[in-house]
Amino acid sequence: MTPDGSRRAYDGKLIAVTVERWGEHEREIVEHSDSVAVVAIDAERHVWLVRQFREPARKELLELPAGVTEEGEDPRASAQRELREECGLRGGRWSELGRFWTTPGFCREAMHVFLAEDVEPGEPEPEDDEDVEIVRWPVGEIGARLAELEDAKTIAGLLLYVRR
């Protein structure tokens, strides 16, 4: 399906906003690059999470390592890059757990969730604006600890992992 018309209302560094006309209704749509998240499991059977301050939430959140795909970048390559930058993790066996729309009511962003098993620790390579704390949970505790999470991609990614 396609709208009857559209116009760009805003262009920013991270997002753009398009106003689409669907019949008699207008919809404001946030344009955002696709994103990736990684359920990373090390040889000791721990899942790696990152705690970081999120300005919109006004607090620190515990999340899966994640980030946006760069233009033309394969989602798996994006996920591997993000995992290396945020956690220093490399290698492992990779598979895709799923893909979903983050907030389809107003945002055109799809998220790819990957599983990386038997990853190997190394030195993180954070971006200048990244300040993350690494947190590891035993895989066997994931189900019991889901209530500690407030980040939707992390909850979804861990549920996809647990149910596989």
C-alpha atoms as a PDB file:
ATOM      1  CA  MET A   1       0.000   0.000   0.000  1.00  0.00           C
ATOM      2  CA  THR A   2       1.141   3.532  -0.651  1.00  0.00           C
ATOM      3  CA  PRO A   3      -0.087   6.874   0.665  1.00  0.00           C
ATOM      4  CA  ASP A   4      -1.963   9.372  -1.485  1.00  0.00           C
ATOM      5  CA  GLY A   5       0.791  11.909  -0.852  1.00  0.00           C
ATOM      6  CA  SER A   6       3.739  12.696   1.388  1.00  0.00           C
ATOM      7  CA  ARG A   7       6.082  15.520   2.342  1.00  0.00           C
ATOM      8  CA  ARG A   8       9.204  15.732   4.475  1.00  0.00           C
ATOM      9  CA  ALA A   9       8.514  17.855   7.556  1.00  0.00           C
ATOM     10  CA  TYR A  10      11.853  17.493   9.362  1.00  0.00           C
ATOM     11  CA  ASP A  11      15.392  16.257   8.687  1.00  0.00           C
ATOM     12  CA  GLY A  12      17.645  15.668  11.683  1.00  0.00           C
ATOM     13  CA  LYS A  13      20.884  13.804  12.349  1.00  0.00           C
ATOM     14  CA  LEU A  14      19.181  10.694  13.747  1.00  0.00           C
ATOM     15  CA  ILE A  15      15.614  10.918  12.476  1.00  0.00           C
ATOM     16  CA  ALA A  16      13.419  12.515   9.865  1.00  0.00           C
ATOM     17  CA  VAL A  17       9.672  13.073   9.947  1.00  0.00           C
ATOM     18  CA  THR A  18       7.450  12.461   6.929  1.00  0.00           C
ATOM     19  CA  VAL A  19       3.812  13.525   6.813  1.00  0.00           C
ATOM     20  CA  GLU A  20       1.755  11.105   4.723  1.00  0.00           C
ATOM     21  CA  ARG A  21      -1.806  11.567   3.526  1.00  0.00           C
ATOM     22  CA  TRP A  22      -3.995   8.448   3.533  1.00  0.00           C
ATOM     23  CA  GLY A  23      -7.379   9.456   2.184  1.00  0.00           C
ATOM     24  CA  GLU A  24      -8.633  12.161   4.518  1.00  0.00           C
ATOM     25  CA  HIS A  25      -6.122  11.396   7.293  1.00  0.00           C
ATOM     26  CA  GLU A  26      -2.568  12.604   7.769  1.00  0.00           C
ATOM     27  CA  ARG A  27       0.039  10.549   9.619  1.00  0.00           C
ATOM     28  CA  GLU A  28       3.359  11.794  10.979  1.00  0.00           C
ATOM     29  CA  ILE A  29       5.941   9.059  10.519  1.00  0.00           C
ATOM     30  CA  VAL A  30       9.363   9.042  12.138  1.00  0.00           C
ATOM     31  CA  GLU A  31      11.978   7.767   9.686  1.00  0.00           C
ATOM     32  CA  HIS A  32      14.823   5.951  11.438  1.00  0.00           C
ATOM     33  CA  SER A  33      17.450   3.544  10.160  1.00  0.00           C
ATOM     34  CA  ASP A  34      16.870  -0.117  10.830  1.00  0.00           C
ATOM     35  CA  SER A  35      18.508  -1.341  14.004  1.00  0.00           C
ATOM     36  CA  VAL A  36      20.052  -4.455  15.492  1.00  0.00           C
ATOM     37  CA  ALA A  37      20.253  -6.094  18.911  1.00  0.00           C
ATOM     38  CA  VAL A  38      22.353  -9.051  20.022  1.00  0.00           C
ATOM     39  CA  VAL A  39      21.689 -11.803  22.545  1.00  0.00           C
ATOM     40  CA  ALA A  40      25.349 -12.595  23.213  1.00  0.00           C
ATOM     41  CA  ILE A  41      26.121 -15.787  25.133  1.00  0.00           C
ATOM     42  CA  ASP A  42      29.686 -16.520  26.225  1.00  0.00           C
ATOM     43  CA  ALA A  43      31.365 -19.890  26.829  1.00  0.00           C
ATOM     44  CA  GLU A  44      30.409 -19.716  30.536  1.00  0.00           C
ATOM     45  CA  ARG A  45      26.707 -19.556  29.523  1.00  0.00           C
ATOM     46  CA  HIS A  46      26.170 -15.923  30.520  1.00  0.00           C
ATOM     47  CA  VAL A  47      24.185 -13.396  28.495  1.00  0.00           C
ATOM     48  CA  TRP A  48      25.862  -9.987  28.107  1.00  0.00           C
ATOM     49  CA  LEU A  49      23.834  -6.828  28.738  1.00  0.00           C
ATOM     50  CA  VAL A  50      24.777  -3.165  28.880  1.00  0.00           C
ATOM     51  CA  ARG A  51      23.573  -0.556  31.352  1.00  0.00           C
ATOM     52  CA  GLN A  52      23.531   2.949  29.936  1.00  0.00           C
ATOM     53  CA  PHE A  53      21.852   6.288  30.497  1.00  0.00           C
ATOM     54  CA  ARG A  54      19.016   6.967  28.065  1.00  0.00           C
ATOM     55  CA  GLU A  55      18.065  10.626  27.804  1.00  0.00           C
ATOM     56  CA  PRO A  56      14.420  10.088  26.702  1.00  0.00           C
ATOM     57  CA  ALA A  57      13.828   7.712  29.657  1.00  0.00           C
ATOM     58  CA  ARG A  58      15.753  10.056  31.991  1.00  0.00           C
ATOM     59  CA  LYS A  59      17.519   7.103  33.594  1.00  0.00           C
ATOM     60  CA  GLU A  60      19.842   4.171  33.063  1.00  0.00           C
ATOM     61  CA  LEU A  61      18.373   1.112  31.373  1.00  0.00           C
ATOM     62  CA  LEU A  62      19.660  -2.445  31.158  1.00  0.00           C
ATOM     63  CA  GLU A  63      19.663  -3.500  27.505  1.00  0.00           C
ATOM     64  CA  LEU A  64      20.955  -5.920  24.931  1.00  0.00           C
ATOM     65  CA  PRO A  65      23.922  -4.526  23.015  1.00  0.00           C
ATOM     66  CA  ALA A  66      22.329  -2.730  20.084  1.00  0.00           C
ATOM     67  CA  GLY A  67      22.634  -0.003  17.508  1.00  0.00           C
ATOM     68  CA  VAL A  68      21.615   1.255  14.090  1.00  0.00           C
ATOM     69  CA  THR A  69      22.598  -0.099  10.725  1.00  0.00           C
ATOM     70  CA  GLU A  70      24.671   2.245   8.640  1.00  0.00           C
ATOM     71  CA  GLU A  71      23.479   2.952   5.097  1.00  0.00           C
ATOM     72  CA  GLY A  72      24.010  -0.123   2.937  1.00  0.00           C
ATOM     73  CA  GLU A  73      25.320  -2.191   5.854  1.00  0.00           C
ATOM     74  CA  ASP A  74      24.166  -5.781   6.264  1.00  0.00           C
ATOM     75  CA  PRO A  75      22.250  -6.188   9.574  1.00  0.00           C
ATOM     76  CA  ARG A  76      24.518  -9.049  10.722  1.00  0.00           C
ATOM     77  CA  ALA A  77      27.616  -6.927  10.063  1.00  0.00           C
ATOM     78  CA  SER A  78      25.969  -4.095  12.034  1.00  0.00           C
ATOM     79  CA  ALA A  79      25.262  -6.445  14.932  1.00  0.00           C
ATOM     80  CA  GLN A  80      28.842  -7.749  14.949  1.00  0.00           C
ATOM     81  CA  ARG A  81      30.192  -4.179  14.881  1.00  0.00           C
ATOM     82  CA  GLU A  82      27.914  -3.045  17.728  1.00  0.00           C
ATOM     83  CA  LEU A  83      28.799  -6.054  19.886  1.00  0.00           C
ATOM     84  CA  ARG A  84      32.515  -5.392  19.388  1.00  0.00           C
ATOM     85  CA  GLU A  85      32.147  -1.647  20.112  1.00  0.00           C
ATOM     86  CA  GLU A  86      29.940  -1.929  23.205  1.00  0.00           C
ATOM     87  CA  CYS A  87      31.220  -5.144  24.793  1.00  0.00           C
ATOM     88  CA  GLY A  88      34.467  -6.087  23.065  1.00  0.00           C
ATOM     89  CA  LEU A  89      32.935  -9.440  22.108  1.00  0.00           C
ATOM     90  CA  ARG A  90      34.064 -11.164  18.917  1.00  0.00           C
ATOM     91  CA  GLY A  91      33.600 -14.402  17.022  1.00  0.00           C
ATOM     92  CA  GLY A  92      31.005 -16.950  17.940  1.00  0.00           C
ATOM     93  CA  ARG A  93      28.244 -18.700  16.043  1.00  0.00           C
ATOM     94  CA  TRP A  94      25.630 -16.300  14.688  1.00  0.00           C
ATOM     95  CA  SER A  95      21.970 -16.760  13.770  1.00  0.00           C
ATOM     96  CA  GLU A  96      18.988 -14.439  13.444  1.00  0.00           C
ATOM     97  CA  LEU A  97      16.330 -14.800  16.149  1.00  0.00           C
ATOM     98  CA  GLY A  98      13.777 -12.487  14.562  1.00  0.00           C
ATOM     99  CA  ARG A  99      12.843  -9.160  13.040  1.00  0.00           C
ATOM    100  CA  PHE A 100      10.108  -6.788  14.200  1.00  0.00           C
ATOM    101  CA  TRP A 101       8.866  -3.210  13.900  1.00  0.00           C
ATOM    102  CA  THR A 102       9.921  -1.196  16.955  1.00  0.00           C
ATOM    103  CA  THR A 103       6.910   1.147  17.138  1.00  0.00           C
ATOM    104  CA  PRO A 104       4.811   0.696  13.983  1.00  0.00           C
ATOM    105  CA  GLY A 105       2.166   3.226  15.027  1.00  0.00           C
ATOM    106  CA  PHE A 106       4.452   6.139  14.171  1.00  0.00           C
ATOM    107  CA  CYS A 107       7.974   4.942  13.316  1.00  0.00           C
ATOM    108  CA  ARG A 108       9.430   3.215  10.257  1.00  0.00           C
ATOM    109  CA  GLU A 109      12.209   1.242  11.981  1.00  0.00           C
ATOM    110  CA  ALA A 110      12.708  -2.507  11.812  1.00  0.00           C
ATOM    111  CA  MET A 111      14.899  -4.264  14.365  1.00  0.00           C
ATOM    112  CA  HIS A 112      16.867  -7.428  13.651  1.00  0.00           C
ATOM    113  CA  VAL A 113      17.701  -9.541  16.707  1.00  0.00           C
ATOM    114  CA  PHE A 114      20.663 -11.896  16.484  1.00  0.00           C
ATOM    115  CA  LEU A 115      21.983 -14.677  18.670  1.00  0.00           C
ATOM    116  CA  ALA A 116      25.764 -14.875  19.054  1.00  0.00           C
ATOM    117  CA  GLU A 117      26.871 -17.987  20.942  1.00  0.00           C
ATOM    118  CA  ASP A 118      30.347 -18.746  22.306  1.00  0.00           C
ATOM    119  CA  VAL A 119      31.534 -15.175  21.824  1.00  0.00           C
ATOM    120  CA  GLU A 120      35.033 -14.334  22.998  1.00  0.00           C
ATOM    121  CA  PRO A 121      35.850 -11.348  25.231  1.00  0.00           C
ATOM    122  CA  GLY A 122      38.123  -8.563  24.056  1.00  0.00           C
ATOM    123  CA  GLU A 123      38.471  -4.828  24.519  1.00  0.00           C
ATOM    124  CA  PRO A 124      35.381  -2.679  23.878  1.00  0.00           C
ATOM    125  CA  GLU A 125      35.664   0.075  21.255  1.00  0.00           C
ATOM    126  CA  PRO A 126      32.958   2.522  22.393  1.00  0.00           C
ATOM    127  CA  GLU A 127      31.824   5.528  20.367  1.00  0.00           C
ATOM    128  CA  ASP A 128      32.671   8.927  21.859  1.00  0.00           C
ATOM    129  CA  ASP A 129      29.156   9.342  23.275  1.00  0.00           C
ATOM    130  CA  GLU A 130      28.847   5.809  24.692  1.00  0.00           C
ATOM    131  CA  ASP A 131      29.338   5.140  28.394  1.00  0.00           C
ATOM    132  CA  VAL A 132      28.218   1.593  29.141  1.00  0.00           C
ATOM    133  CA  GLU A 133      28.542  -0.787  32.058  1.00  0.00           C
ATOM    134  CA  ILE A 134      28.704  -4.493  31.202  1.00  0.00           C
ATOM    135  CA  VAL A 135      26.309  -6.761  33.116  1.00  0.00           C
ATOM    136  CA  ARG A 136      26.272 -10.561  32.782  1.00  0.00           C
ATOM    137  CA  TRP A 137      23.419 -12.848  33.755  1.00  0.00           C
ATOM    138  CA  PRO A 138      23.552 -16.644  33.890  1.00  0.00           C
ATOM    139  CA  VAL A 139      21.412 -17.947  31.020  1.00  0.00           C
ATOM    140  CA  GLY A 140      19.365 -20.019  33.467  1.00  0.00           C
ATOM    141  CA  GLU A 141      18.198 -16.827  35.254  1.00  0.00           C
ATOM    142  CA  ILE A 142      16.865 -14.983  32.191  1.00  0.00           C
ATOM    143  CA  GLY A 143      13.221 -16.013  32.619  1.00  0.00           C
ATOM    144  CA  ALA A 144      13.140 -15.122  36.298  1.00  0.00           C
ATOM    145  CA  ARG A 145      14.805 -11.727  35.732  1.00  0.00           C
ATOM    146  CA  LEU A 146      12.726 -10.375  32.830  1.00  0.00           C
ATOM    147  CA  ALA A 147      10.725  -8.196  35.235  1.00  0.00           C
ATOM    148  CA  GLU A 148      13.911  -6.213  35.965  1.00  0.00           C
ATOM    149  CA  LEU A 149      13.912  -4.924  32.382  1.00  0.00           C
ATOM    150  CA  GLU A 150      12.154  -1.867  30.959  1.00  0.00           C
ATOM    151  CA  ASP A 151      13.574  -1.860  27.436  1.00  0.00           C
ATOM    152  CA  ALA A 152      11.254  -3.457  24.855  1.00  0.00           C
ATOM    153  CA  LYS A 153      13.943  -4.711  22.454  1.00  0.00           C
ATOM    154  CA  THR A 154      15.711  -6.427  25.328  1.00  0.00           C
ATOM    155  CA  ILE A 155      12.557  -8.086  26.609  1.00  0.00           C
ATOM    156  CA  ALA A 156      11.616  -9.175  23.075  1.00  0.00           C
ATOM    157  CA  GLY A 157      15.133 -10.389  22.250  1.00  0.00           C
ATOM    158  CA  LEU A 158      15.460 -12.426  25.428  1.00  0.00           C
ATOM    159  CA  LEU A 159      11.986 -13.936  24.966  1.00  0.00           C
ATOM    160  CA  LEU A 160      12.900 -14.895  21.397  1.00  0.00           C
ATOM    161  CA  TYR A 161      16.034 -16.549  22.790  1.00  0.00           C
ATOM    162  CA  VAL A 162      14.257 -18.380  25.633  1.00  0.00           C
ATOM    163  CA  ARG A 163      11.507 -19.752  23.378  1.00  0.00           C
ATOM    164  CA  ARG A 164      13.814 -21.054  20.606  1.00  0.00           C
END
